Protein backbone atom coordinates (compact mmCIF):
# COMPACT_ATOMS: atom_id res chain seq x y z
CA MET A 1 106.64 114.44 97.12
CA GLN A 2 107.00 110.68 97.38
CA THR A 3 107.52 108.70 100.59
CA ARG A 4 109.91 105.78 100.37
CA VAL A 5 108.29 102.67 101.87
CA LEU A 6 110.29 99.45 102.31
CA THR A 7 108.88 95.94 102.81
CA GLY A 8 110.87 92.75 103.40
CA ILE A 9 109.66 89.23 102.60
CA THR A 10 111.46 86.33 104.31
CA THR A 11 112.10 83.42 101.94
CA THR A 12 111.52 80.38 104.11
CA GLY A 13 108.16 79.00 103.05
CA THR A 14 105.33 78.74 100.54
CA PRO A 15 102.82 81.64 100.60
CA HIS A 16 99.38 80.84 101.98
CA LEU A 17 96.01 82.58 102.03
CA GLY A 18 96.81 84.45 105.25
CA ASN A 19 100.01 85.88 103.71
CA TYR A 20 98.02 87.13 100.73
CA VAL A 21 95.27 88.85 102.73
CA GLY A 22 97.47 90.11 105.56
CA ALA A 23 100.58 91.27 103.68
CA ILE A 24 100.73 90.77 99.92
CA ARG A 25 97.42 92.31 98.85
CA PRO A 26 97.58 95.47 101.03
CA ALA A 27 101.26 96.06 100.24
CA ILE A 28 100.67 95.86 96.49
CA ALA A 29 97.66 98.18 96.79
CA ALA A 30 99.78 100.70 98.72
CA SER A 31 102.56 100.52 96.11
CA ARG A 32 100.14 101.79 93.45
CA ARG A 33 99.57 105.10 95.23
CA PRO A 34 101.39 107.92 93.39
CA GLU A 35 102.86 109.33 96.59
CA VAL A 36 104.62 106.04 97.45
CA ASP A 37 108.13 105.05 96.29
CA ALA A 38 107.88 101.34 97.08
CA PHE A 39 110.80 98.99 97.75
CA PHE A 40 110.11 95.25 98.08
CA PHE A 41 112.95 92.86 98.82
CA MET A 42 113.21 89.14 99.38
CA ALA A 43 115.06 88.77 102.66
CA ASP A 44 117.10 85.70 101.76
CA TYR A 45 119.99 86.63 104.10
CA HIS A 46 117.48 86.73 106.96
CA ALA A 47 116.12 83.36 105.84
CA LEU A 48 119.51 81.76 106.56
CA ILE A 49 118.95 82.46 110.25
CA LYS A 50 115.76 80.37 110.20
CA SER A 51 116.68 77.57 107.80
CA ASP A 52 119.82 75.65 106.84
CA ASP A 53 118.06 73.75 104.04
CA PRO A 54 119.46 75.07 100.71
CA ALA A 55 116.69 73.45 98.64
CA ARG A 56 114.02 75.07 100.78
CA ILE A 57 115.65 78.51 100.51
CA GLU A 58 116.05 78.15 96.74
CA ARG A 59 112.49 76.98 96.15
CA SER A 60 111.01 79.57 98.49
CA ARG A 61 112.77 82.44 96.69
CA LEU A 62 111.26 81.31 93.38
CA GLU A 63 107.77 80.74 94.79
CA ILE A 64 107.65 84.02 96.68
CA ALA A 65 108.89 86.08 93.74
CA ALA A 66 106.34 84.42 91.43
CA THR A 67 103.58 84.95 94.01
CA TRP A 68 104.15 88.68 94.41
CA LEU A 69 104.39 89.20 90.66
CA ALA A 70 101.28 87.09 90.00
CA ALA A 71 99.38 89.04 92.67
CA GLY A 72 99.97 92.27 90.76
CA LEU A 73 103.30 93.71 91.89
CA ASP A 74 104.54 95.85 88.99
CA PRO A 75 108.37 95.76 88.82
CA LYS A 76 108.32 98.83 86.56
CA LYS A 77 106.67 100.92 89.28
CA VAL A 78 108.46 99.52 92.33
CA THR A 79 111.98 98.40 93.20
CA PHE A 80 111.81 94.60 93.62
CA TYR A 81 115.04 92.79 94.44
CA ARG A 82 116.76 90.05 96.42
CA GLN A 83 118.68 91.14 99.49
CA SER A 84 121.59 88.90 98.47
CA ASP A 85 121.99 90.77 95.16
CA ILE A 86 122.90 94.00 96.96
CA PRO A 87 126.51 93.76 98.23
CA GLU A 88 126.18 97.19 99.81
CA ILE A 89 123.84 95.69 102.44
CA PRO A 90 126.36 93.35 104.15
CA GLU A 91 129.00 96.08 103.87
CA LEU A 92 126.70 98.56 105.58
CA THR A 93 125.84 95.89 108.16
CA TRP A 94 129.51 95.86 109.21
CA PHE A 95 129.72 99.67 109.33
CA LEU A 96 126.66 99.70 111.59
CA THR A 97 127.94 96.80 113.68
CA CYS A 98 130.97 98.88 114.56
CA VAL A 99 128.82 101.60 116.14
CA THR A 100 126.11 99.40 117.68
CA ALA A 101 126.25 98.86 121.43
CA LYS A 102 126.22 95.21 122.51
CA GLY A 103 123.81 96.16 125.26
CA LEU A 104 121.27 97.23 122.63
CA LEU A 105 121.43 93.82 120.96
CA ASN A 106 121.18 92.07 124.32
CA ARG A 107 117.71 93.59 124.66
CA ALA A 108 116.39 92.27 121.33
CA HIS A 109 113.21 90.24 121.92
CA ALA A 110 114.24 87.22 119.80
CA TYR A 111 117.60 86.92 121.53
CA LYS A 112 116.09 87.39 125.01
CA ALA A 113 113.43 84.76 124.28
CA ALA A 114 116.12 82.26 123.26
CA VAL A 115 118.13 83.00 126.42
CA ASP A 116 115.05 82.69 128.64
CA LYS A 117 114.14 79.36 127.04
CA ASN A 118 117.66 78.04 127.67
CA THR A 119 117.65 79.29 131.26
CA GLU A 120 114.33 77.54 131.97
CA ALA A 121 115.78 74.31 130.57
CA ASN A 122 118.93 74.70 132.71
CA GLU A 123 121.03 75.05 129.57
CA ASP A 124 123.85 77.50 128.87
CA ALA A 125 122.23 80.88 128.19
CA ASP A 126 123.53 81.02 124.62
CA ALA A 127 123.03 77.37 123.70
CA GLY A 128 121.92 77.13 120.09
CA VAL A 129 122.04 80.90 119.60
CA THR A 130 123.92 81.83 116.44
CA ALA A 131 125.64 85.13 115.77
CA GLY A 132 123.17 85.51 112.92
CA LEU A 133 120.22 85.54 115.31
CA TYR A 134 122.05 87.94 117.61
CA MET A 135 122.96 90.33 114.76
CA TYR A 136 119.56 90.14 113.05
CA PRO A 137 118.59 93.69 114.14
CA VAL A 138 121.74 95.18 112.60
CA LEU A 139 121.15 93.47 109.26
CA MET A 140 117.56 94.70 109.33
CA ALA A 141 118.80 98.23 110.06
CA ALA A 142 121.11 97.99 107.05
CA ASP A 143 118.21 96.86 104.85
CA ILE A 144 116.37 100.03 105.78
CA LEU A 145 119.16 102.59 106.04
CA ALA A 146 120.89 101.62 102.77
CA PHE A 147 117.95 103.23 100.99
CA ASN A 148 116.96 105.88 103.55
CA ALA A 149 113.51 104.32 103.75
CA GLN A 150 111.13 106.69 105.49
CA GLN A 151 108.40 104.19 106.41
CA VAL A 152 108.57 100.47 107.18
CA PRO A 153 105.26 98.58 107.50
CA VAL A 154 105.67 95.79 110.07
CA GLY A 155 103.71 93.67 112.50
CA ARG A 156 103.75 94.60 116.16
CA ASP A 157 106.40 91.95 116.87
CA GLN A 158 108.82 93.88 114.64
CA ILE A 159 108.38 97.35 116.16
CA GLN A 160 111.45 96.94 118.36
CA HIS A 161 113.63 96.28 115.30
CA ILE A 162 112.61 99.58 113.71
CA GLU A 163 113.28 101.38 116.98
CA MET A 164 116.72 99.77 117.07
CA ALA A 165 117.37 100.86 113.48
CA ARG A 166 116.58 104.42 114.56
CA ASP A 167 118.96 104.13 117.50
CA ILE A 168 121.75 102.78 115.30
CA ALA A 169 121.20 105.51 112.68
CA GLN A 170 121.28 108.23 115.33
CA ARG A 171 124.52 106.87 116.79
CA PHE A 172 126.22 106.70 113.38
CA ASN A 173 125.07 110.24 112.55
CA HIS A 174 126.36 111.49 115.90
CA ILE A 175 129.77 109.79 115.63
CA TYR A 176 130.44 110.98 112.09
CA GLY A 177 128.92 114.41 112.49
CA ARG A 178 126.25 114.54 109.81
CA GLU A 179 122.73 113.32 109.06
CA PHE A 180 123.75 110.43 106.84
CA PHE A 181 120.54 108.48 107.56
CA VAL A 182 116.92 109.51 107.88
CA GLN A 183 115.01 108.13 110.86
CA PRO A 184 112.65 105.37 109.63
CA GLU A 185 109.11 105.38 110.93
CA VAL A 186 107.10 102.34 111.95
CA VAL A 187 103.84 101.84 110.07
CA ILE A 188 101.37 99.49 111.76
CA GLU A 189 98.49 98.47 109.51
CA GLU A 190 95.72 98.27 112.09
CA GLN A 191 93.09 97.30 109.52
CA VAL A 192 95.03 94.43 107.94
CA ALA A 193 93.00 91.24 108.16
CA THR A 194 94.30 88.29 110.16
CA LEU A 195 92.75 85.09 108.85
CA PRO A 196 91.95 82.09 111.02
CA GLY A 197 93.46 78.80 109.96
CA LEU A 198 91.93 75.35 109.70
CA ASP A 199 91.72 75.00 113.50
CA GLY A 200 90.44 78.52 114.25
CA ARG A 201 93.78 79.85 115.45
CA LYS A 202 95.69 82.47 113.46
CA MET A 203 96.70 81.02 110.11
CA SER A 204 100.40 80.25 110.47
CA LYS A 205 102.95 77.75 109.18
CA SER A 206 104.07 77.22 112.77
CA TYR A 207 100.56 75.90 113.61
CA ASP A 208 100.40 73.78 110.44
CA ASN A 209 96.91 75.14 109.81
CA THR A 210 97.36 77.08 106.58
CA ILE A 211 95.28 77.19 103.39
CA PRO A 212 97.54 77.22 100.31
CA LEU A 213 97.36 80.20 97.99
CA PHE A 214 98.55 78.52 94.77
CA ALA A 215 100.20 75.23 95.73
CA GLY A 216 98.19 72.22 94.55
CA GLY A 217 95.83 74.22 92.39
CA ALA A 218 92.05 74.53 92.75
CA LYS A 219 91.73 70.91 93.88
CA GLN A 220 94.07 71.41 96.85
CA LEU A 221 92.41 74.73 97.73
CA ARG A 222 88.95 73.11 97.86
CA GLU A 223 90.12 70.06 99.79
CA THR A 224 91.81 72.25 102.40
CA ILE A 225 88.79 74.53 102.81
CA MET A 226 86.61 71.44 103.34
CA ARG A 227 88.85 70.59 106.35
CA ILE A 228 88.13 73.84 108.23
CA VAL A 229 86.88 72.98 111.71
CA THR A 230 83.25 73.95 112.40
CA ASP A 231 80.82 73.24 115.23
CA SER A 232 78.27 70.42 115.35
CA ARG A 233 75.21 72.39 114.20
CA MET A 234 73.27 70.51 111.56
CA PRO A 235 71.81 71.83 108.27
CA GLY A 236 68.76 73.93 109.08
CA GLU A 237 70.13 75.09 112.43
CA PRO A 238 71.16 78.79 112.57
CA LYS A 239 74.91 79.46 112.68
CA ASP A 240 76.64 82.39 114.34
CA PRO A 241 78.63 84.25 111.64
CA GLU A 242 80.78 86.14 114.16
CA SER A 243 82.16 82.93 115.66
CA SER A 244 82.60 81.19 112.32
CA SER A 245 86.01 80.98 110.65
CA LEU A 246 84.22 80.52 107.34
CA PHE A 247 82.58 83.92 107.60
CA THR A 248 85.81 85.65 108.67
CA ILE A 249 87.68 84.25 105.67
CA PHE A 250 84.78 84.91 103.28
CA ARG A 251 84.57 88.54 104.36
CA ALA A 252 88.27 89.06 103.53
CA PHE A 253 87.51 88.37 99.85
CA ALA A 254 83.91 89.48 99.39
CA SER A 255 82.11 92.76 98.87
CA GLU A 256 79.76 94.09 101.56
CA ALA A 257 76.75 92.81 99.62
CA GLU A 258 78.28 89.34 99.23
CA SER A 259 79.20 89.24 102.91
CA ALA A 260 75.69 90.24 103.92
CA ALA A 261 74.22 87.46 101.75
CA PHE A 262 76.58 84.87 103.25
CA ARG A 263 75.74 86.07 106.76
CA ARG A 264 72.01 85.58 106.06
CA ALA A 265 72.67 82.10 104.68
CA LEU A 266 74.50 81.11 107.86
CA GLU A 267 71.82 82.58 110.11
CA GLU A 268 69.15 80.75 108.08
CA GLY A 269 70.85 77.38 108.60
CA ILE A 270 72.93 76.60 105.51
CA GLY A 271 74.83 73.34 106.03
CA TRP A 272 78.53 73.57 106.78
CA GLY A 273 79.47 71.56 103.69
CA GLU A 274 77.46 73.84 101.44
CA ALA A 275 78.88 76.93 103.20
CA LYS A 276 82.42 75.68 102.59
CA GLN A 277 81.63 75.21 98.91
CA VAL A 278 80.36 78.80 98.74
CA LEU A 279 83.56 79.98 100.43
CA PHE A 280 85.72 77.98 98.00
CA GLU A 281 83.94 79.42 94.97
CA ARG A 282 84.32 82.97 96.24
CA ILE A 283 88.05 82.60 96.94
CA GLU A 284 88.64 80.73 93.69
CA ALA A 285 87.11 83.61 91.72
CA ASP A 286 89.94 85.85 92.96
CA VAL A 287 92.72 83.31 93.10
CA ALA A 288 92.24 81.51 89.75
CA PRO A 289 93.49 84.37 87.51
CA MET A 290 96.47 84.92 89.82
CA ARG A 291 97.20 81.19 89.87
CA GLU A 292 97.31 81.12 86.07
CA ARG A 293 99.88 83.95 86.08
CA TYR A 294 101.79 82.24 88.89
CA GLU A 295 102.07 78.94 87.01
CA SER A 296 103.24 80.78 83.90
CA LEU A 297 105.91 82.61 85.92
CA ILE A 298 107.09 79.60 87.89
CA ALA A 299 107.65 77.78 84.61
CA LYS A 300 110.02 80.52 83.45
CA PRO A 301 112.49 81.14 86.27
CA ALA A 302 114.85 82.93 83.87
CA ALA A 303 112.21 85.62 83.33
CA ILE A 304 111.86 86.09 87.10
CA GLU A 305 115.65 86.24 87.41
CA GLU A 306 115.76 89.03 84.81
CA ILE A 307 113.15 91.01 86.74
CA LEU A 308 115.07 90.63 90.00
CA GLN A 309 118.39 91.56 88.39
CA GLU A 310 116.83 94.72 86.98
CA GLY A 311 115.45 95.46 90.45
CA ALA A 312 118.92 94.97 91.89
CA ARG A 313 120.34 97.46 89.39
CA LYS A 314 117.73 100.02 90.45
CA ALA A 315 118.44 99.37 94.12
CA ARG A 316 122.22 99.56 93.73
CA ALA A 317 121.93 102.85 91.87
CA ILE A 318 120.75 104.23 95.22
CA ALA A 319 122.78 102.12 97.65
CA GLY A 320 126.04 102.58 95.72
CA PRO A 321 126.31 106.36 96.11
CA LYS A 322 125.19 106.05 99.73
CA MET A 323 128.01 103.62 100.47
CA ALA A 324 130.55 105.78 98.61
CA GLU A 325 129.51 108.68 100.82
CA LEU A 326 129.83 106.55 103.96
CA ARG A 327 133.22 105.15 103.00
CA ASP A 328 134.50 108.65 102.49
CA ALA A 329 133.02 109.79 105.81
CA ILE A 330 134.63 107.02 107.85
CA GLY A 331 138.01 107.23 106.10
CA LEU A 332 137.92 104.19 103.84
CA ARG A 333 139.28 106.00 100.79
CA ALA A 334 141.53 104.68 98.03
CA MET A 335 145.23 105.20 98.80
CA SER A 336 145.70 106.88 95.42
CA SER A 337 143.14 109.51 96.39
CA VAL A 338 144.46 110.46 99.82
CA THR A 339 146.74 113.28 98.68
CA MET A 340 144.28 114.44 96.06
CA HIS A 341 141.48 114.37 98.60
CA ALA A 342 143.54 116.44 101.04
CA ASP A 343 144.40 118.94 98.31
CA HIS A 344 140.80 119.10 97.23
CA SER A 345 139.65 119.72 100.78
CA ARG A 346 142.13 122.57 101.04
CA VAL A 347 140.84 124.07 97.80
CA LEU A 348 137.26 123.71 98.97
CA SER A 349 137.98 125.34 102.29
CA LYS A 350 139.63 128.30 100.54
CA SER A 351 137.75 128.70 97.35
CA VAL A 352 134.62 126.58 97.15
CA LYS A 353 133.07 128.99 99.58
CA SER A 354 131.28 130.27 96.52
CA PRO A 355 130.55 127.54 94.00
CA ARG A 356 128.39 129.22 91.40
CA PHE A 357 125.49 128.54 89.09
CA ALA A 358 125.53 129.66 85.46
CA SER A 359 122.20 129.80 83.63
CA PHE A 360 121.92 129.64 79.87
CA ARG A 361 119.43 129.14 77.07
CA ASP A 362 119.88 126.01 74.98
CA THR A 363 119.68 125.84 71.20
CA ASP A 364 116.13 124.48 71.38
CA GLY A 365 115.00 127.49 73.43
CA SER A 366 114.82 125.68 76.75
CA PHE A 367 116.56 126.89 79.91
CA ARG A 368 119.35 125.07 81.76
CA PHE A 369 122.06 125.75 84.30
CA ARG A 370 125.43 124.44 85.35
CA LEU A 371 126.99 124.29 88.80
CA PHE A 372 130.72 125.12 88.79
CA SER A 373 133.35 124.97 91.47
CA SER A 374 135.27 128.20 91.95
CA GLU A 375 138.07 126.69 89.87
CA GLY A 376 135.70 126.38 86.94
CA ASP A 377 135.17 122.61 87.13
CA GLU A 378 131.67 121.60 86.08
CA LEU A 379 129.93 119.74 88.88
CA LEU A 380 126.36 119.52 87.50
CA LEU A 381 124.40 120.13 84.31
CA SER A 382 120.66 120.54 84.75
CA LYS A 383 117.90 119.06 82.63
CA SER A 384 116.00 121.34 80.25
CA PHE A 385 113.27 123.60 81.63
CA LYS A 386 110.62 125.33 79.53
CA ASP A 387 110.35 128.15 82.07
CA PRO A 388 113.39 130.04 83.42
CA LYS A 389 111.52 130.45 86.72
CA ALA A 390 111.41 126.67 87.11
CA ALA A 391 115.16 126.45 86.55
CA GLY A 392 115.66 129.25 89.07
CA ALA A 393 113.48 127.48 91.63
CA VAL A 394 115.64 124.36 91.41
CA GLN A 395 118.79 126.44 91.84
CA LYS A 396 117.25 128.12 94.88
CA GLN A 397 116.38 124.74 96.38
CA LEU A 398 119.91 123.40 95.79
CA LYS A 399 121.33 126.48 97.49
CA SER A 400 119.31 125.84 100.62
CA ILE A 401 119.13 122.10 101.36
CA GLY A 402 122.79 121.04 101.51
CA GLY A 403 124.58 118.00 100.17
CA SER A 404 123.24 115.44 102.64
CA ALA A 405 119.63 116.12 101.69
CA VAL A 406 119.90 115.46 97.96
CA THR A 407 119.44 112.04 96.35
CA LEU A 408 122.22 110.94 93.99
CA HIS A 409 121.92 107.83 91.81
CA SER A 410 124.94 106.12 90.26
CA LEU A 411 125.21 105.42 86.57
CA PRO A 412 128.29 103.53 85.35
CA LEU A 413 130.46 106.68 85.11
CA SER A 414 128.27 109.54 86.32
CA LEU A 415 125.71 110.61 88.92
CA VAL A 416 122.11 111.78 88.62
CA LEU A 417 120.71 114.23 91.16
CA GLU A 418 117.05 113.98 92.18
CA LEU A 419 114.80 116.42 94.03
CA ASP A 420 111.40 115.27 95.26
CA GLY A 421 111.79 112.04 93.32
CA GLU A 422 112.50 113.74 89.98
CA PRO A 423 115.88 113.82 88.17
CA VAL A 424 116.93 117.46 87.76
CA ALA A 425 120.66 117.37 86.97
CA SER A 426 123.60 115.09 86.21
CA THR A 427 127.36 115.16 86.56
CA PRO A 428 129.88 114.81 83.74
CA ASP A 429 131.16 111.32 82.93
CA TYR A 430 134.21 110.33 84.98
CA VAL A 431 137.08 108.10 83.95
CA ASP A 432 136.11 105.25 86.28
CA GLU A 433 133.89 104.30 89.21
CA MET A 434 136.49 105.42 91.76
CA ALA A 435 136.58 108.91 90.26
CA ARG A 436 132.78 108.95 90.16
CA ASP A 437 132.56 108.01 93.85
CA GLU A 438 135.13 110.64 94.83
CA ALA A 439 133.18 113.24 92.83
CA LEU A 440 130.08 112.37 94.86
CA ALA A 441 131.76 113.49 98.10
CA TYR A 442 133.08 116.68 96.49
CA LEU A 443 129.66 117.53 95.07
CA ARG A 444 127.95 117.06 98.43
CA GLU A 445 130.59 119.24 100.09
CA ALA A 446 130.08 121.98 97.49
CA LEU A 447 126.32 121.89 98.07
CA ASP A 448 126.94 122.09 101.82
CA LYS A 449 129.03 125.23 101.22
CA LEU A 450 126.21 126.79 99.20
CA ALA A 451 123.72 126.04 101.96
CA ALA A 452 126.05 127.44 104.61
CA GLN A 453 126.51 130.68 102.66
CA GLY A 454 122.76 131.00 102.24
CA SER A 455 122.24 130.81 106.00
CA GLU A 456 124.88 133.42 106.82
């Protein structure tokens, strides 16, 4: 069974070496594990809170997308998209806003820090504080809950936001009487490397001490490495590897054998200039092939756009049914469906107490089943199974888990049902998207009835 893991990337800057080692490389490695269903999104709505420079936002989105793809992110194996391409996210943000306590947002660290800074400066408490900054935790909750992400890898400064997403999800579930959202879990990568910058402090754009990943090419990479601050020990004098930024950065790219050799060279008195050249060559060996892919990608923004649009389609196939379910739950139904929905609910309460499965053998000898309402309407048609026991096992699972536990993906006029990450059945085609979305609620209700009967 796969675990859905969601990672956001804020689009406000140019990726540097610390971003690659601390976030990009480990996240891509994790996405390749078969048990992970990885979602990566460029958080360009979040970026608007930090920057009002349109050119910077635009350029950063292109550079960051090209960087992740060049570093090995496979869009065929993950869901890679821009936040702003998913209209369900701002819609869900409003739904969640309407159940989120103001007191919860008052306690957010970023907002409190801004208020404290204003208070110390004898300014109005909310001077310079935008509603975007204040509502940041709700938008982040929507990013996560729109896809029922189970795990969210974050730095320690973001733990509170995941806890707030859990609180918001629990409140929504409580108000509307069903487990619409799973509770996301924080994942802290304790072993992720934090690289020192040019001045020995943590590499960060805010300190202006970063080493570029691709910008400026090999020449810029070498020139920046040559500016790393070292002590005054001369060539021939032993250097302490553990206090050297050069060794810390080298170790993040090298094998154990290479690190051991570099350690010995420092302890035996290699000059700082020569040590920096060794460090450059080791990093360049890893970065050069990625840089070549990056430059090819950055020159073809239309190709990147196509990848992101396909990622958006994959993401919306999940978020769309989720939002249809939520709209139905909170009463935002089409006027033309109100009477029909009431009639349908009455039928379900009387007769869909026993929706039924019908198994059959297909012309090719495989085994399939249909799920019917008591009126005889087809709700689902299964995929083909070679073994009737396998088909029976899926039916048994559907009878026990209930409608809220299944995953339904939207196609233009139908729905696909997944269990444990695998498509197992689909609905008929409906006349339009509205009918498809209404059918989603009816199908979940029918599955809930089956589960309730099984527990009686």
